[in-house]
């Protein structure tokens, strides 16, 4: 497990406390945490478990729903896996969510308690080419305007063996998908700065965090460049999901690295802090809680190359406090 430099903590006045949220059941591949400030709820998905999870800290209530094949419309000529990659509340529509399922984005209704979703509608389907039909969405968020950004990855015949160069990054608005990046390994973390001029992005295969110029009106990105390399900073593992705090710093989950790192995206290759997590496959992060000062961390526990990762630590969801910063409310999808 990684360790933290004590001097780093003193400089940033941090006294982090890492706790596993015991009420949330262990996930095979926990991902996509989203804090909904309106309902004070944490949503996340279990990709391999084909499920959406909801957790309400105030009541410690945990619920989940598995997406059933019979509820999902599709005319695609391939065998469905029903891998649920993201969940985003829809702006102004109670109990309505955008869900990533395989290569589709769907709108579904879920009251947060029932064991079934209803009113399932397809928003968009991507990568219908024959050689890409076994791709899937992997991560997605909304930019500050509510526009959906979601990326894909190639097929994964065995755990950890992902077909390279088949992923793409899309934005979705008014039921149409626009492709911005292609030939990606695993499209992953997304974040935008407070000035809405920069977008930060991760293709896990590149083992770095990239920065793009961002035009929120046009919904375009340009001038991509690496601003933090795991290799240059001697960090094992792969960058996965990420979030940004009100100070403009990025918090990045390190898959295969037992940690979350804090970096300054304005100063290339600047590692500010390392937070050890008791799970090897750390997948994503988001700020939540009444004051948005709690960092929720998801993880996975699936077997790669024969290495068995036992629950409940692996596949657990964690809450980190004492970070001396906070995030912004999660952005709902504007359909």
C-alpha atoms as a PDB file:
ATOM      1  CA  UNK A   1       0.000   0.000   0.000  1.00  0.00           C
ATOM      2  CA  UNK A   2       1.222   3.505  -0.770  1.00  0.00           C
ATOM      3  CA  UNK A   3       2.277   5.892   1.967  1.00  0.00           C
ATOM      4  CA  UNK A   4       1.953   9.624   2.426  1.00  0.00           C
ATOM      5  CA  UNK A   5       4.701  12.118   2.963  1.00  0.00           C
ATOM      6  CA  UNK A   6       4.037  13.651   6.387  1.00  0.00           C
ATOM      7  CA  UNK A   7       5.403  17.002   5.284  1.00  0.00           C
ATOM      8  CA  UNK A   8       2.855  17.126   2.472  1.00  0.00           C
ATOM      9  CA  UNK A   9       0.057  16.794   5.007  1.00  0.00           C
ATOM     10  CA  UNK A  10       1.434  19.540   7.230  1.00  0.00           C
ATOM     11  CA  UNK A  11       1.713  21.917   4.297  1.00  0.00           C
ATOM     12  CA  UNK A  12      -1.902  21.387   3.285  1.00  0.00           C
ATOM     13  CA  UNK A  13      -3.281  21.111   6.811  1.00  0.00           C
ATOM     14  CA  UNK A  14      -4.760  17.728   6.095  1.00  0.00           C
ATOM     15  CA  UNK A  15      -5.650  15.082   8.621  1.00  0.00           C
ATOM     16  CA  UNK A  16      -7.401  12.496   6.455  1.00  0.00           C
ATOM     17  CA  UNK A  17      -9.561   9.769   7.923  1.00  0.00           C
ATOM     18  CA  UNK A  18     -10.512   6.839   5.683  1.00  0.00           C
ATOM     19  CA  UNK A  19     -13.618   4.818   6.586  1.00  0.00           C
ATOM     20  CA  UNK A  20     -15.373   2.070   4.666  1.00  0.00           C
ATOM     21  CA  UNK A  21     -19.089   2.741   4.279  1.00  0.00           C
ATOM     22  CA  UNK A  22     -20.289  -0.561   5.679  1.00  0.00           C
ATOM     23  CA  UNK A  23     -23.911  -0.078   4.623  1.00  0.00           C
ATOM     24  CA  UNK A  24     -23.003  -0.160   0.914  1.00  0.00           C
ATOM     25  CA  UNK A  25     -22.673  -3.741  -0.265  1.00  0.00           C
ATOM     26  CA  UNK A  26     -19.392  -4.852  -1.795  1.00  0.00           C
ATOM     27  CA  UNK A  27     -19.225  -4.227  -5.541  1.00  0.00           C
ATOM     28  CA  UNK A  28     -17.527  -6.323  -8.187  1.00  0.00           C
ATOM     29  CA  UNK A  29     -16.642  -3.156 -10.097  1.00  0.00           C
ATOM     30  CA  UNK A  30     -17.849  -0.049  -8.276  1.00  0.00           C
ATOM     31  CA  UNK A  31     -17.701   3.072 -10.425  1.00  0.00           C
ATOM     32  CA  UNK A  32     -19.196   6.422 -11.342  1.00  0.00           C
ATOM     33  CA  UNK A  33     -19.992   7.932  -7.917  1.00  0.00           C
ATOM     34  CA  UNK A  34     -22.286  10.968  -8.172  1.00  0.00           C
ATOM     35  CA  UNK A  35     -23.430  13.097  -5.248  1.00  0.00           C
ATOM     36  CA  UNK A  36     -26.937  14.470  -5.686  1.00  0.00           C
ATOM     37  CA  UNK A  37     -27.135  17.564  -3.476  1.00  0.00           C
ATOM     38  CA  UNK A  38     -30.896  17.883  -3.928  1.00  0.00           C
ATOM     39  CA  UNK A  39     -31.649  14.531  -2.302  1.00  0.00           C
ATOM     40  CA  UNK A  40     -28.407  14.312  -0.276  1.00  0.00           C
ATOM     41  CA  UNK A  41     -27.762  10.927  -1.843  1.00  0.00           C
ATOM     42  CA  UNK A  42     -24.746   9.142  -3.250  1.00  0.00           C
ATOM     43  CA  UNK A  43     -25.332   7.213  -6.456  1.00  0.00           C
ATOM     44  CA  UNK A  44     -22.856   4.768  -7.957  1.00  0.00           C
ATOM     45  CA  UNK A  45     -22.847   1.746 -10.234  1.00  0.00           C
ATOM     46  CA  UNK A  46     -21.532  -1.800 -10.087  1.00  0.00           C
ATOM     47  CA  UNK A  47     -20.558  -2.353 -13.710  1.00  0.00           C
ATOM     48  CA  UNK A  48     -20.183  -6.124 -13.562  1.00  0.00           C
ATOM     49  CA  UNK A  49     -23.057  -6.390 -11.079  1.00  0.00           C
ATOM     50  CA  UNK A  50     -25.309  -4.611 -13.620  1.00  0.00           C
ATOM     51  CA  UNK A  51     -26.692  -2.422 -10.846  1.00  0.00           C
ATOM     52  CA  UNK A  52     -27.319   1.141  -9.728  1.00  0.00           C
ATOM     53  CA  UNK A  53     -26.718   1.809  -6.040  1.00  0.00           C
ATOM     54  CA  UNK A  54     -28.095   4.600  -3.853  1.00  0.00           C
ATOM     55  CA  UNK A  55     -26.879   5.535  -0.378  1.00  0.00           C
ATOM     56  CA  UNK A  56     -28.414   8.171   1.901  1.00  0.00           C
ATOM     57  CA  UNK A  57     -25.885   8.976   4.656  1.00  0.00           C
ATOM     58  CA  UNK A  58     -28.424  10.754   6.881  1.00  0.00           C
ATOM     59  CA  UNK A  59     -30.454   7.561   7.275  1.00  0.00           C
ATOM     60  CA  UNK A  60     -27.702   5.058   6.343  1.00  0.00           C
ATOM     61  CA  UNK A  61     -30.125   3.584   3.836  1.00  0.00           C
ATOM     62  CA  UNK A  62     -28.602   1.601   0.984  1.00  0.00           C
ATOM     63  CA  UNK A  63     -30.661   0.351  -1.964  1.00  0.00           C
ATOM     64  CA  UNK A  64     -29.868  -0.956  -5.426  1.00  0.00           C
ATOM     65  CA  UNK A  65     -31.571  -2.002  -8.624  1.00  0.00           C
ATOM     66  CA  UNK A  66     -30.337  -4.478 -11.235  1.00  0.00           C
ATOM     67  CA  UNK A  67     -31.146  -3.564 -14.825  1.00  0.00           C
ATOM     68  CA  UNK A  68     -32.981  -6.427 -16.458  1.00  0.00           C
ATOM     69  CA  UNK A  69     -32.654  -7.364 -20.091  1.00  0.00           C
ATOM     70  CA  UNK A  70     -36.416  -7.457 -20.531  1.00  0.00           C
ATOM     71  CA  UNK A  71     -36.611  -3.791 -19.619  1.00  0.00           C
ATOM     72  CA  UNK A  72     -34.033  -2.641 -22.157  1.00  0.00           C
ATOM     73  CA  UNK A  73     -35.040  -1.967 -25.779  1.00  0.00           C
ATOM     74  CA  UNK A  74     -32.449  -2.805 -28.416  1.00  0.00           C
ATOM     75  CA  UNK A  75     -32.216  -4.030 -31.960  1.00  0.00           C
ATOM     76  CA  UNK A  76     -28.455  -4.586 -31.787  1.00  0.00           C
ATOM     77  CA  UNK A  77     -27.339  -7.917 -33.239  1.00  0.00           C
ATOM     78  CA  UNK A  78     -25.039  -8.926 -30.419  1.00  0.00           C
ATOM     79  CA  UNK A  79     -25.264 -10.633 -27.065  1.00  0.00           C
ATOM     80  CA  UNK A  80     -26.064  -8.161 -24.339  1.00  0.00           C
ATOM     81  CA  UNK A  81     -23.930  -7.991 -21.229  1.00  0.00           C
ATOM     82  CA  UNK A  82     -25.947  -5.226 -19.552  1.00  0.00           C
ATOM     83  CA  UNK A  83     -22.845  -3.575 -18.099  1.00  0.00           C
ATOM     84  CA  UNK A  84     -23.990  -0.449 -16.247  1.00  0.00           C
ATOM     85  CA  UNK A  85     -21.325   2.222 -16.521  1.00  0.00           C
ATOM     86  CA  UNK A  86     -22.744   5.505 -15.219  1.00  0.00           C
ATOM     87  CA  UNK A  87     -25.741   7.067 -13.489  1.00  0.00           C
ATOM     88  CA  UNK A  88     -26.662  10.770 -13.660  1.00  0.00           C
ATOM     89  CA  UNK A  89     -29.832  12.421 -12.340  1.00  0.00           C
ATOM     90  CA  UNK A  90     -31.864  14.279 -14.954  1.00  0.00           C
ATOM     91  CA  UNK A  91     -32.292  17.971 -14.237  1.00  0.00           C
ATOM     92  CA  UNK A  92     -35.817  18.943 -13.205  1.00  0.00           C
ATOM     93  CA  UNK A  93     -37.209  15.389 -13.411  1.00  0.00           C
ATOM     94  CA  UNK A  94     -37.729  13.590 -10.117  1.00  0.00           C
ATOM     95  CA  UNK A  95     -36.521   9.964 -10.023  1.00  0.00           C
ATOM     96  CA  UNK A  96     -35.283  10.170 -13.617  1.00  0.00           C
ATOM     97  CA  UNK A  97     -31.727   9.127 -14.506  1.00  0.00           C
ATOM     98  CA  UNK A  98     -29.370   8.750 -17.435  1.00  0.00           C
ATOM     99  CA  UNK A  99     -27.728   5.330 -17.311  1.00  0.00           C
ATOM    100  CA  UNK A 100     -24.943   3.922 -19.444  1.00  0.00           C
ATOM    101  CA  UNK A 101     -25.691   0.348 -20.524  1.00  0.00           C
ATOM    102  CA  UNK A 102     -23.222  -1.352 -22.847  1.00  0.00           C
ATOM    103  CA  UNK A 103     -22.981   1.110 -25.800  1.00  0.00           C
ATOM    104  CA  UNK A 104     -26.256   2.893 -25.055  1.00  0.00           C
ATOM    105  CA  UNK A 105     -27.301   5.788 -22.904  1.00  0.00           C
ATOM    106  CA  UNK A 106     -30.790   5.267 -21.506  1.00  0.00           C
ATOM    107  CA  UNK A 107     -33.214   7.397 -19.538  1.00  0.00           C
ATOM    108  CA  UNK A 108     -34.865   5.406 -16.755  1.00  0.00           C
ATOM    109  CA  UNK A 109     -37.198   6.064 -13.857  1.00  0.00           C
ATOM    110  CA  UNK A 110     -36.233   4.734 -10.431  1.00  0.00           C
ATOM    111  CA  UNK A 111     -37.626   5.837  -7.088  1.00  0.00           C
ATOM    112  CA  UNK A 112     -34.448   4.840  -5.296  1.00  0.00           C
ATOM    113  CA  UNK A 113     -36.177   2.006  -3.434  1.00  0.00           C
ATOM    114  CA  UNK A 114     -37.879  -0.354  -5.898  1.00  0.00           C
ATOM    115  CA  UNK A 115     -36.144  -3.405  -7.349  1.00  0.00           C
ATOM    116  CA  UNK A 116     -37.042  -2.437 -10.917  1.00  0.00           C
ATOM    117  CA  UNK A 117     -36.647   0.569 -13.193  1.00  0.00           C
ATOM    118  CA  UNK A 118     -39.497   1.785 -15.396  1.00  0.00           C
ATOM    119  CA  UNK A 119     -40.078   4.086 -18.369  1.00  0.00           C
ATOM    120  CA  UNK A 120     -36.892   2.997 -20.122  1.00  0.00           C
ATOM    121  CA  UNK A 121     -36.047   5.108 -23.183  1.00  0.00           C
ATOM    122  CA  UNK A 122     -32.983   4.980 -25.390  1.00  0.00           C
ATOM    123  CA  UNK A 123     -31.209   8.346 -25.683  1.00  0.00           C
ATOM    124  CA  UNK A 124     -28.398   7.335 -28.005  1.00  0.00           C
ATOM    125  CA  UNK A 125     -26.353   4.349 -29.147  1.00  0.00           C
ATOM    126  CA  UNK A 126     -22.737   4.644 -30.280  1.00  0.00           C
ATOM    127  CA  UNK A 127     -20.127   2.546 -32.093  1.00  0.00           C
ATOM    128  CA  UNK A 128     -22.513   0.345 -34.044  1.00  0.00           C
ATOM    129  CA  UNK A 129     -19.763  -0.725 -36.452  1.00  0.00           C
ATOM    130  CA  UNK A 130     -19.374  -4.504 -36.589  1.00  0.00           C
ATOM    131  CA  UNK A 131     -15.877  -4.481 -35.097  1.00  0.00           C
ATOM    132  CA  UNK A 132     -16.983  -2.262 -32.189  1.00  0.00           C
ATOM    133  CA  UNK A 133     -20.312  -3.795 -31.140  1.00  0.00           C
ATOM    134  CA  UNK A 134     -18.788  -5.377 -28.048  1.00  0.00           C
ATOM    135  CA  UNK A 135     -17.427  -2.070 -26.789  1.00  0.00           C
ATOM    136  CA  UNK A 136     -19.103  -0.419 -23.814  1.00  0.00           C
ATOM    137  CA  UNK A 137     -19.374   2.931 -22.119  1.00  0.00           C
ATOM    138  CA  UNK A 138     -17.019   3.179 -19.161  1.00  0.00           C
ATOM    139  CA  UNK A 139     -17.333   6.589 -17.498  1.00  0.00           C
ATOM    140  CA  UNK A 140     -19.315   9.769 -17.928  1.00  0.00           C
ATOM    141  CA  UNK A 141     -20.259  13.086 -16.364  1.00  0.00           C
ATOM    142  CA  UNK A 142     -22.018  16.315 -17.209  1.00  0.00           C
ATOM    143  CA  UNK A 143     -20.114  19.498 -17.925  1.00  0.00           C
ATOM    144  CA  UNK A 144     -21.260  22.656 -16.080  1.00  0.00           C
ATOM    145  CA  UNK A 145     -23.994  23.260 -18.691  1.00  0.00           C
ATOM    146  CA  UNK A 146     -25.509  19.792 -18.197  1.00  0.00           C
ATOM    147  CA  UNK A 147     -24.151  18.398 -21.457  1.00  0.00           C
ATOM    148  CA  UNK A 148     -23.277  14.700 -21.094  1.00  0.00           C
ATOM    149  CA  UNK A 149     -19.720  13.540 -21.778  1.00  0.00           C
ATOM    150  CA  UNK A 150     -19.171   9.781 -21.861  1.00  0.00           C
ATOM    151  CA  UNK A 151     -16.423   7.570 -23.219  1.00  0.00           C
ATOM    152  CA  UNK A 152     -16.079   3.968 -24.302  1.00  0.00           C
ATOM    153  CA  UNK A 153     -13.551   1.148 -24.162  1.00  0.00           C
ATOM    154  CA  UNK A 154     -12.885  -1.920 -26.259  1.00  0.00           C
ATOM    155  CA  UNK A 155     -14.195  -5.387 -25.534  1.00  0.00           C
ATOM    156  CA  UNK A 156     -12.765  -7.231 -22.530  1.00  0.00           C
ATOM    157  CA  UNK A 157     -12.841 -10.999 -23.222  1.00  0.00           C
ATOM    158  CA  UNK A 158     -11.034 -11.647 -19.937  1.00  0.00           C
ATOM    159  CA  UNK A 159     -10.689  -9.340 -16.933  1.00  0.00           C
ATOM    160  CA  UNK A 160      -8.014  -6.734 -17.500  1.00  0.00           C
ATOM    161  CA  UNK A 161      -7.484  -7.755 -21.145  1.00  0.00           C
ATOM    162  CA  UNK A 162      -9.046  -4.804 -22.971  1.00  0.00           C
ATOM    163  CA  UNK A 163      -8.794  -4.467 -26.742  1.00  0.00           C
ATOM    164  CA  UNK A 164      -6.635  -1.348 -27.271  1.00  0.00           C
ATOM    165  CA  UNK A 165      -7.379   1.631 -29.477  1.00  0.00           C
ATOM    166  CA  UNK A 166     -11.120   1.041 -29.804  1.00  0.00           C
ATOM    167  CA  UNK A 167     -12.506   3.539 -27.319  1.00  0.00           C
ATOM    168  CA  UNK A 168     -13.835   7.024 -28.056  1.00  0.00           C
ATOM    169  CA  UNK A 169     -14.994  10.092 -26.129  1.00  0.00           C
ATOM    170  CA  UNK A 170     -18.413  11.522 -26.958  1.00  0.00           C
ATOM    171  CA  UNK A 171     -20.568  14.407 -25.867  1.00  0.00           C
ATOM    172  CA  UNK A 172     -24.322  13.904 -26.005  1.00  0.00           C
ATOM    173  CA  UNK A 173     -26.888  16.657 -26.348  1.00  0.00           C
ATOM    174  CA  UNK A 174     -30.430  16.689 -27.720  1.00  0.00           C
ATOM    175  CA  UNK A 175     -30.264  12.958 -28.379  1.00  0.00           C
ATOM    176  CA  UNK A 176     -27.189  13.187 -30.606  1.00  0.00           C
ATOM    177  CA  UNK A 177     -23.655  11.981 -29.924  1.00  0.00           C
ATOM    178  CA  UNK A 178     -20.604  13.915 -31.117  1.00  0.00           C
ATOM    179  CA  UNK A 179     -17.243  12.156 -31.191  1.00  0.00           C
ATOM    180  CA  UNK A 180     -14.309  14.206 -29.880  1.00  0.00           C
ATOM    181  CA  UNK A 181     -11.509  11.671 -29.392  1.00  0.00           C
ATOM    182  CA  UNK A 182     -10.849   8.251 -30.871  1.00  0.00           C
ATOM    183  CA  UNK A 183      -8.422   5.328 -30.746  1.00  0.00           C
ATOM    184  CA  UNK A 184      -8.544   5.366 -26.942  1.00  0.00           C
ATOM    185  CA  UNK A 185      -7.689   2.551 -24.559  1.00  0.00           C
ATOM    186  CA  UNK A 186     -10.102   3.058 -21.640  1.00  0.00           C
ATOM    187  CA  UNK A 187     -11.967   6.364 -21.621  1.00  0.00           C
ATOM    188  CA  UNK A 188     -12.132   7.422 -18.002  1.00  0.00           C
ATOM    189  CA  UNK A 189     -12.066  10.401 -15.605  1.00  0.00           C
ATOM    190  CA  UNK A 190     -13.525  13.804 -16.446  1.00  0.00           C
ATOM    191  CA  UNK A 191     -13.476  17.185 -14.680  1.00  0.00           C
ATOM    192  CA  UNK A 192     -13.869  20.878 -15.534  1.00  0.00           C
ATOM    193  CA  UNK A 193     -12.327  23.893 -13.853  1.00  0.00           C
ATOM    194  CA  UNK A 194     -14.380  26.602 -12.163  1.00  0.00           C
ATOM    195  CA  UNK A 195     -13.725  29.068 -14.980  1.00  0.00           C
ATOM    196  CA  UNK A 196     -15.208  26.519 -17.431  1.00  0.00           C
ATOM    197  CA  UNK A 197     -12.219  26.998 -19.730  1.00  0.00           C
ATOM    198  CA  UNK A 198     -10.392  23.710 -19.125  1.00  0.00           C
ATOM    199  CA  UNK A 199     -11.439  20.086 -19.263  1.00  0.00           C
ATOM    200  CA  UNK A 200      -9.328  17.399 -17.614  1.00  0.00           C
ATOM    201  CA  UNK A 201      -9.450  13.900 -19.025  1.00  0.00           C
ATOM    202  CA  UNK A 202      -7.997  10.435 -18.510  1.00  0.00           C
ATOM    203  CA  UNK A 203      -7.401   7.624 -20.972  1.00  0.00           C
ATOM    204  CA  UNK A 204      -6.195   5.020 -18.494  1.00  0.00           C
ATOM    205  CA  UNK A 205      -3.928   3.314 -21.037  1.00  0.00           C
ATOM    206  CA  UNK A 206      -1.883   6.504 -21.384  1.00  0.00           C
ATOM    207  CA  UNK A 207      -1.184   6.495 -17.611  1.00  0.00           C
ATOM    208  CA  UNK A 208      -1.501  10.265 -17.451  1.00  0.00           C
ATOM    209  CA  UNK A 209      -3.960  13.110 -16.860  1.00  0.00           C
ATOM    210  CA  UNK A 210      -4.561  15.402 -19.836  1.00  0.00           C
ATOM    211  CA  UNK A 211      -5.761  18.990 -20.036  1.00  0.00           C
ATOM    212  CA  UNK A 212      -7.828  20.423 -22.887  1.00  0.00           C
ATOM    213  CA  UNK A 213      -9.021  23.901 -23.750  1.00  0.00           C
ATOM    214  CA  UNK A 214     -12.796  23.809 -23.366  1.00  0.00           C
ATOM    215  CA  UNK A 215     -15.485  25.877 -25.084  1.00  0.00           C
ATOM    216  CA  UNK A 216     -18.676  25.428 -23.086  1.00  0.00           C
ATOM    217  CA  UNK A 217     -20.861  27.221 -25.630  1.00  0.00           C
ATOM    218  CA  UNK A 218     -19.748  25.095 -28.581  1.00  0.00           C
ATOM    219  CA  UNK A 219     -19.130  21.972 -26.534  1.00  0.00           C
ATOM    220  CA  UNK A 220     -15.681  21.452 -28.031  1.00  0.00           C
ATOM    221  CA  UNK A 221     -12.203  20.609 -26.761  1.00  0.00           C
ATOM    222  CA  UNK A 222      -8.780  21.374 -28.268  1.00  0.00           C
ATOM    223  CA  UNK A 223      -5.047  21.536 -27.573  1.00  0.00           C
ATOM    224  CA  UNK A 224      -4.769  18.426 -25.427  1.00  0.00           C
ATOM    225  CA  UNK A 225      -1.572  17.872 -23.467  1.00  0.00           C
ATOM    226  CA  UNK A 226      -0.398  15.685 -20.606  1.00  0.00           C
ATOM    227  CA  UNK A 227      -0.096  17.499 -17.292  1.00  0.00           C
ATOM    228  CA  UNK A 228       0.618  14.596 -14.946  1.00  0.00           C
ATOM    229  CA  UNK A 229       2.340  11.305 -15.775  1.00  0.00           C
ATOM    230  CA  UNK A 230       2.240   8.345 -13.416  1.00  0.00           C
ATOM    231  CA  UNK A 231       5.452   7.048 -14.948  1.00  0.00           C
ATOM    232  CA  UNK A 232       7.342  10.312 -14.372  1.00  0.00           C
ATOM    233  CA  UNK A 233       6.139  10.372 -10.766  1.00  0.00           C
ATOM    234  CA  UNK A 234       6.974   6.702 -10.102  1.00  0.00           C
ATOM    235  CA  UNK A 235       3.370   5.778  -9.341  1.00  0.00           C
ATOM    236  CA  UNK A 236       2.249   2.206  -9.960  1.00  0.00           C
ATOM    237  CA  UNK A 237      -1.163   1.468 -11.418  1.00  0.00           C
ATOM    238  CA  UNK A 238      -3.457   3.338 -13.797  1.00  0.00           C
ATOM    239  CA  UNK A 239      -5.333   6.638 -13.443  1.00  0.00           C
ATOM    240  CA  UNK A 240      -9.072   6.011 -13.299  1.00  0.00           C
ATOM    241  CA  UNK A 241     -11.925   8.324 -12.236  1.00  0.00           C
ATOM    242  CA  UNK A 242     -11.309  11.811 -10.860  1.00  0.00           C
ATOM    243  CA  UNK A 243     -12.928  14.927  -9.458  1.00  0.00           C
ATOM    244  CA  UNK A 244     -11.932  18.542  -8.831  1.00  0.00           C
ATOM    245  CA  UNK A 245     -12.097  20.586  -5.616  1.00  0.00           C
ATOM    246  CA  UNK A 246     -12.943  24.257  -5.094  1.00  0.00           C
ATOM    247  CA  UNK A 247      -9.231  25.072  -4.974  1.00  0.00           C
ATOM    248  CA  UNK A 248      -8.800  23.791  -8.522  1.00  0.00           C
ATOM    249  CA  UNK A 249      -6.888  20.640  -7.581  1.00  0.00           C
ATOM    250  CA  UNK A 250      -7.667  17.207  -8.999  1.00  0.00           C
ATOM    251  CA  UNK A 251      -8.239  14.038  -6.992  1.00  0.00           C
ATOM    252  CA  UNK A 252      -7.449  10.945  -9.045  1.00  0.00           C
ATOM    253  CA  UNK A 253      -8.236   7.294  -8.258  1.00  0.00           C
ATOM    254  CA  UNK A 254      -5.313   4.960  -8.973  1.00  0.00           C
ATOM    255  CA  UNK A 255      -6.487   1.540 -10.140  1.00  0.00           C
ATOM    256  CA  UNK A 256      -4.036  -1.114  -9.033  1.00  0.00           C
ATOM    257  CA  UNK A 257      -2.299   1.326  -6.702  1.00  0.00           C
ATOM    258  CA  UNK A 258      -4.154   1.292  -3.356  1.00  0.00           C
ATOM    259  CA  UNK A 259      -4.461   5.079  -3.437  1.00  0.00           C
ATOM    260  CA  UNK A 260      -6.026   8.368  -4.434  1.00  0.00           C
ATOM    261  CA  UNK A 261      -3.672  11.175  -5.411  1.00  0.00           C
ATOM    262  CA  UNK A 262      -4.134  14.941  -5.298  1.00  0.00           C
ATOM    263  CA  UNK A 263      -2.459  16.930  -8.065  1.00  0.00           C
ATOM    264  CA  UNK A 264      -2.294  20.564  -9.195  1.00  0.00           C
ATOM    265  CA  UNK A 265      -3.303  20.601 -12.880  1.00  0.00           C
ATOM    266  CA  UNK A 266      -2.014  24.167 -13.347  1.00  0.00           C
ATOM    267  CA  UNK A 267       1.550  23.145 -12.569  1.00  0.00           C
ATOM    268  CA  UNK A 268       2.541  20.054 -14.575  1.00  0.00           C
ATOM    269  CA  UNK A 269       3.820  17.024 -12.662  1.00  0.00           C
ATOM    270  CA  UNK A 270       2.870  18.448  -9.250  1.00  0.00           C
ATOM    271  CA  UNK A 271       1.851  15.764  -6.755  1.00  0.00           C
ATOM    272  CA  UNK A 272       0.338  17.414  -3.677  1.00  0.00           C
ATOM    273  CA  UNK A 273      -0.744  14.441  -1.572  1.00  0.00           C
ATOM    274  CA  UNK A 274      -1.397  10.702  -1.521  1.00  0.00           C
ATOM    275  CA  UNK A 275      -4.303   9.093   0.342  1.00  0.00           C
ATOM    276  CA  UNK A 276      -3.849   5.349   0.982  1.00  0.00           C
ATOM    277  CA  UNK A 277      -7.020   3.281   0.406  1.00  0.00           C
ATOM    278  CA  UNK A 278      -7.390  -0.321   1.717  1.00  0.00           C
ATOM    279  CA  UNK A 279      -8.466  -1.568  -1.723  1.00  0.00           C
ATOM    280  CA  UNK A 280      -6.112  -2.241  -4.617  1.00  0.00           C
ATOM    281  CA  UNK A 281      -8.500  -1.459  -7.471  1.00  0.00           C
ATOM    282  CA  UNK A 282      -9.474   2.137  -6.640  1.00  0.00           C
ATOM    283  CA  UNK A 283     -11.839   3.264  -9.385  1.00  0.00           C
ATOM    284  CA  UNK A 284     -13.326   6.727  -8.837  1.00  0.00           C
ATOM    285  CA  UNK A 285     -13.969   9.635  -6.472  1.00  0.00           C
ATOM    286  CA  UNK A 286     -16.492  12.388  -5.830  1.00  0.00           C
ATOM    287  CA  UNK A 287     -17.087  14.962  -3.126  1.00  0.00           C
ATOM    288  CA  UNK A 288     -20.323  14.718  -1.159  1.00  0.00           C
ATOM    289  CA  UNK A 289     -21.962  15.236   2.200  1.00  0.00           C
ATOM    290  CA  UNK A 290     -23.963  18.241   3.454  1.00  0.00           C
ATOM    291  CA  UNK A 291     -20.902  20.486   3.123  1.00  0.00           C
ATOM    292  CA  UNK A 292     -19.393  18.699   0.111  1.00  0.00           C
ATOM    293  CA  UNK A 293     -16.237  18.070   2.146  1.00  0.00           C
ATOM    294  CA  UNK A 294     -16.404  14.261   2.219  1.00  0.00           C
ATOM    295  CA  UNK A 295     -14.574  12.384  -0.521  1.00  0.00           C
ATOM    296  CA  UNK A 296     -16.378   9.196  -1.539  1.00  0.00           C
ATOM    297  CA  UNK A 297     -14.161   6.568  -3.132  1.00  0.00           C
ATOM    298  CA  UNK A 298     -15.312   3.492  -5.072  1.00  0.00           C
ATOM    299  CA  UNK A 299     -13.333   0.324  -5.667  1.00  0.00           C
ATOM    300  CA  UNK A 300     -13.478  -3.074  -7.362  1.00  0.00           C
ATOM    301  CA  UNK A 301     -12.520  -6.623  -6.502  1.00  0.00           C
ATOM    302  CA  UNK A 302     -12.488  -8.566  -9.745  1.00  0.00           C
ATOM    303  CA  UNK A 303      -9.760 -11.118 -10.437  1.00  0.00           C
ATOM    304  CA  UNK A 304      -6.982 -10.187 -12.876  1.00  0.00           C
ATOM    305  CA  UNK A 305      -4.253 -12.704 -13.775  1.00  0.00           C
ATOM    306  CA  UNK A 306      -5.401 -15.006 -10.996  1.00  0.00           C
ATOM    307  CA  UNK A 307      -5.031 -12.478  -8.179  1.00  0.00           C
ATOM    308  CA  UNK A 308      -8.048 -12.826  -5.873  1.00  0.00           C
ATOM    309  CA  UNK A 309      -8.956  -9.663  -3.938  1.00  0.00           C
ATOM    310  CA  UNK A 310     -11.087 -10.523  -0.906  1.00  0.00           C
ATOM    311  CA  UNK A 311     -14.022  -8.400   0.279  1.00  0.00           C
ATOM    312  CA  UNK A 312     -15.081  -6.332   2.115  1.00  0.00           C
ATOM    313  CA  UNK A 313     -12.031  -4.053   1.776  1.00  0.00           C
ATOM    314  CA  UNK A 314     -11.691  -4.749  -1.929  1.00  0.00           C
ATOM    315  CA  UNK A 315     -14.885  -3.676  -3.656  1.00  0.00           C
ATOM    316  CA  UNK A 316     -15.779  -1.424  -0.733  1.00  0.00           C
ATOM    317  CA  UNK A 317     -16.933   2.180  -0.900  1.00  0.00           C
ATOM    318  CA  UNK A 318     -14.956   4.591   1.285  1.00  0.00           C
ATOM    319  CA  UNK A 319     -15.494   8.011   2.830  1.00  0.00           C
ATOM    320  CA  UNK A 320     -12.470  10.242   3.383  1.00  0.00           C
ATOM    321  CA  UNK A 321     -12.762  13.246   5.700  1.00  0.00           C
ATOM    322  CA  UNK A 322     -10.308  15.797   7.079  1.00  0.00           C
ATOM    323  CA  UNK A 323      -9.089  16.924   3.657  1.00  0.00           C
ATOM    324  CA  UNK A 324      -9.443  20.672   4.320  1.00  0.00           C
ATOM    325  CA  UNK A 325     -11.199  21.271   1.034  1.00  0.00           C
ATOM    326  CA  UNK A 326     -14.509  20.544  -0.648  1.00  0.00           C
ATOM    327  CA  UNK A 327     -16.018  19.960  -4.055  1.00  0.00           C
ATOM    328  CA  UNK A 328     -18.946  21.329  -6.010  1.00  0.00           C
ATOM    329  CA  UNK A 329     -22.389  19.765  -6.381  1.00  0.00           C
ATOM    330  CA  UNK A 330     -22.690  17.090  -9.045  1.00  0.00           C
ATOM    331  CA  UNK A 331     -24.207  18.382 -12.293  1.00  0.00           C
ATOM    332  CA  UNK A 332     -27.453  16.796 -13.462  1.00  0.00           C
ATOM    333  CA  UNK A 333     -28.057  15.928 -17.112  1.00  0.00           C
ATOM    334  CA  UNK A 334     -29.970  18.455 -19.198  1.00  0.00           C
ATOM    335  CA  UNK A 335     -31.986  16.291 -21.568  1.00  0.00           C
END
